[in-house]
Amino acid sequence: MSFVSYEFIGFVFALILLYFISPVKVRCYVLLAGSVFFYYQSGWQGMIFLGVAALITYASALAMGKLRGTVGVKTTEDHRDSAFVVLMISLLFLLAMLLYAKIGRQVTEAFGKILQGEEITASVIVPLGISYYTFAAVGYLADVYWKKDRPEKNPFKLVLYLCYFPQILQGPIPKHKRLAPLLNEGHRFDYERVCFGLQRAVWGFFKKLVIADRLAIMVNQVFDHYLNYTGLIFVFGLVGAVFQLYTDFSGCMDIALGVSEVFGITLEENFRRPFFATSAAEFWRRWHITLGAWFKDYVYMPLSTAPWVMEIGKFFRKHISKSAGRNIVTTIPLLVVWILTGLWHGTGLDYVVWGLYWGGIIILSTWLTPVYRKLNKRFGLTDDLGWWRVLRQLRTFGIYMVGRLLTLPGNLLTSRWIGRKIFTFNPWVLFDGTLFNLGWDMKDAWAAIIALLILWRVSVLQERGVQIRKSVAAWPLPLRWLFYYGAIFAVLIFGIYGSGFNASSFVYMNY
């Protein structure tokens, strides 16, 4: 069941009604039933993976809690080593299932070719949202082991945490300690909160259907038929691809956070206007925020404090310089994090290179930070200078465009070919109508431009701290409802539908 479907809208309103007419104490079970039903719609096979993951997570957390004295009979004994063994075994099983979904088809086909000497087509189950609930489970188990969280004794509540339906499709990746109380307590109906939640969901539909899916027409035309194009066409295609990915992914997040807000459950923000970032590091603090936080908490921090990394740092400080020692302690964890981030997004060589590309830029920026500060101070370049801030934002946008080129075509050879052809001089395409013949017409192009301008204006206001939903709520009732109806009809009229079009396909839904 896709977020962008009449079935989903009907499902959400039915669940809202059932949730608020049920007794407060059982509302978490209403959410559980709704989430399981939603997940079942993606295929019963995926339910097996989810059930096994939940069983492993539940049993392992309880076992670690008893070994470390945080659950069951109070004891002064802390069997940390035994708990660590339980943690490692549970993580091995969870990550093995994730690897099966990620690379099972490629491995099966490769072995088939080796053993049989011929091409075979492998059928591998890819459960919905397996990356998201696996990361949620791994984080929860690590927190229980570190005594940052307590084991959940109720297995049904743990299943709800793992498969809560608004976040199962594309995140955000939750922390059990923060989300579980919100899921379990039961919330009363609040008119303003429901309105705010539905407003945000409509905004998400606007970003997905009006912008992302309209841009996808042009982007797919350019990169599916890249041999037919050159020069500025690729520039426009890449710019469109950047905004397509952003509005697709952040649109899904707005729908998820908006629907969840209706129930009184505040999910963590996953985007914070990333194209206002002035550096690569800041960009990734604004884009897919919960994924970055997960890698920081469960990969970067443990690695940066690992004894072997600290020993390497001491060696560099002793034999090279203090700054080299500090840099190496941050470089090793960053490199690992970005390789894993690339592999999380995809298993091909292009995604490994993509991870190294971003990791290299951020690591190099970290090394050169003292140099940047001296140069900026010398030339009087501060964030208060509007033109300097805009220039850095454009630079960051360009860096992201190059990263998008690495993975969008599907292989590095095609990316290289496009990268060379992009410098072909052909300014006449700006005037000869070519831009309006890329799978769409002039009306579609102008609709995309106007929608992007609306997105830009809203983003500017949000960046300035304006709370748009509260501002709209303060309008007179007739004007307010005229705006609501106008927004809904804008999505219905200008959204992309039609034969051959699949609105149900979100870019990140199979990660």
Foldseek 3Di string as FASTA:
>chain_A
DFPPDPVVVVLLVVLLVVLQVDPQQCSLVSLLVSLVVVQCVVDPVLVVLLVVLLVLLQVLLVVQCVQQQNDDDHDPHHNLVVNVVSLVVSLVVLVVVVCCLFCVQVVVQVVCCVVVVDGDGDDGDQRWQSVQLSLQSNLASVCSSVVVDHRDPDSSLSSCLSRRPLASQFDDRDHCVQQSVQSRRGDHADVLLLVQLVVLLLVLLCLQFQALQLLCLLLCLCLVPVVVDFAVSVVVSLVSVVSNQVSLNVSSVSNSQSSCSRRVGGGDDQAQPLLLDLALVSSCCGHRPSLVVSLVVPQQVCQLPPPVLLVVLVVCCVPPNNLRSVLSSNLVSLLVSLQVVLVVLHPDPLSNVLSVLSSVRVSVCVSCVVVVVVVCVVVVNDPVDPVSSVVSSVVSVVSVSLSCLSPVSPHNVSSVVRVVRNNDDDVCCVPPLVVQVSSHHPVSVVSNVVSVVVVVVVSVCVVVVHPVSVVLVPDPPVVSVVVVVVSNVCSVPSTDDDPPDDSSDRPNRSD
